[in-house]
Amino acid sequence: MARPKGTESVKMIQVIETKSTIGSGTEDDPFIPIVQYWDLEGNFLATTIILEENPETAYSA
């Protein structure tokens, strides 16, 4: 059985990280804290949803 390869490459890059909340706060559309990443030219790269029990502390390091 073939084993999956490990990491093919690693590179450190600069990105812009924004933290915000989406949703209207209702039961059908709850507030959800997110982190988004953008390149230095303003192109969108990715969104991460913060899965924490307490969204108010989701961004604390």
Protein backbone atom coordinates (compact mmCIF):
# COMPACT_ATOMS: atom_id res chain seq x y z
CA MET A 1 0.00 0.00 0.00
CA ALA A 2 1.41 3.37 -1.02
CA ARG A 3 1.93 5.88 1.75
CA PRO A 4 0.89 9.48 1.18
CA LYS A 5 3.74 11.91 0.79
CA GLY A 6 4.39 14.56 3.39
CA THR A 7 4.56 18.28 2.75
CA GLU A 8 5.81 19.00 -0.75
CA SER A 9 7.02 22.53 -0.02
CA VAL A 10 6.87 25.32 2.52
CA LYS A 11 7.07 29.02 1.79
CA MET A 12 6.51 32.01 4.03
CA ILE A 13 4.39 34.70 2.38
CA GLN A 14 2.83 37.98 3.43
CA VAL A 15 -0.96 38.18 3.55
CA ILE A 16 -3.57 40.52 4.99
CA GLU A 17 -5.73 38.97 7.72
CA THR A 18 -9.14 40.46 8.53
CA LYS A 19 -11.39 39.39 11.41
CA SER A 20 -15.12 40.06 11.28
CA THR A 21 -18.53 38.65 12.09
CA ILE A 22 -21.13 37.55 9.57
CA GLY A 23 -24.84 36.85 10.10
CA SER A 24 -27.73 38.93 11.41
CA GLY A 25 -27.84 37.41 14.90
CA THR A 26 -31.15 35.58 14.48
CA GLU A 27 -31.80 31.90 15.16
CA ASP A 28 -31.85 31.22 11.41
CA ASP A 29 -28.78 33.39 10.72
CA PRO A 30 -26.59 33.45 13.85
CA PHE A 31 -23.50 35.60 14.27
CA ILE A 32 -20.41 33.69 13.09
CA PRO A 33 -16.87 35.00 13.64
CA ILE A 34 -14.64 34.60 10.59
CA VAL A 35 -11.08 35.28 9.53
CA GLN A 36 -10.38 36.17 5.91
CA TYR A 37 -7.07 36.27 4.07
CA TRP A 38 -6.13 38.57 1.17
CA ASP A 39 -2.96 39.01 -0.84
CA LEU A 40 -1.18 42.36 -0.91
CA GLU A 41 -2.97 43.31 -4.15
CA GLY A 42 -6.38 42.89 -2.47
CA ASN A 43 -7.27 39.53 -4.00
CA PHE A 44 -9.33 37.27 -1.75
CA LEU A 45 -7.60 34.02 -0.75
CA ALA A 46 -9.60 32.18 1.92
CA THR A 47 -12.14 32.34 4.75
CA THR A 48 -11.91 30.46 8.04
CA ILE A 49 -14.91 30.11 10.34
CA ILE A 50 -13.96 30.36 14.01
CA LEU A 51 -15.48 27.37 15.80
CA GLU A 52 -15.46 28.44 19.42
CA GLU A 53 -18.14 28.08 22.06
CA ASN A 54 -17.73 31.74 23.02
CA PRO A 55 -17.40 33.90 19.86
CA GLU A 56 -16.52 36.97 21.95
CA THR A 57 -13.22 35.31 22.92
CA ALA A 58 -12.58 33.64 19.55
CA TYR A 59 -10.00 36.24 18.53
CA SER A 60 -8.00 36.39 21.75
CA ALA A 61 -4.51 34.97 21.46
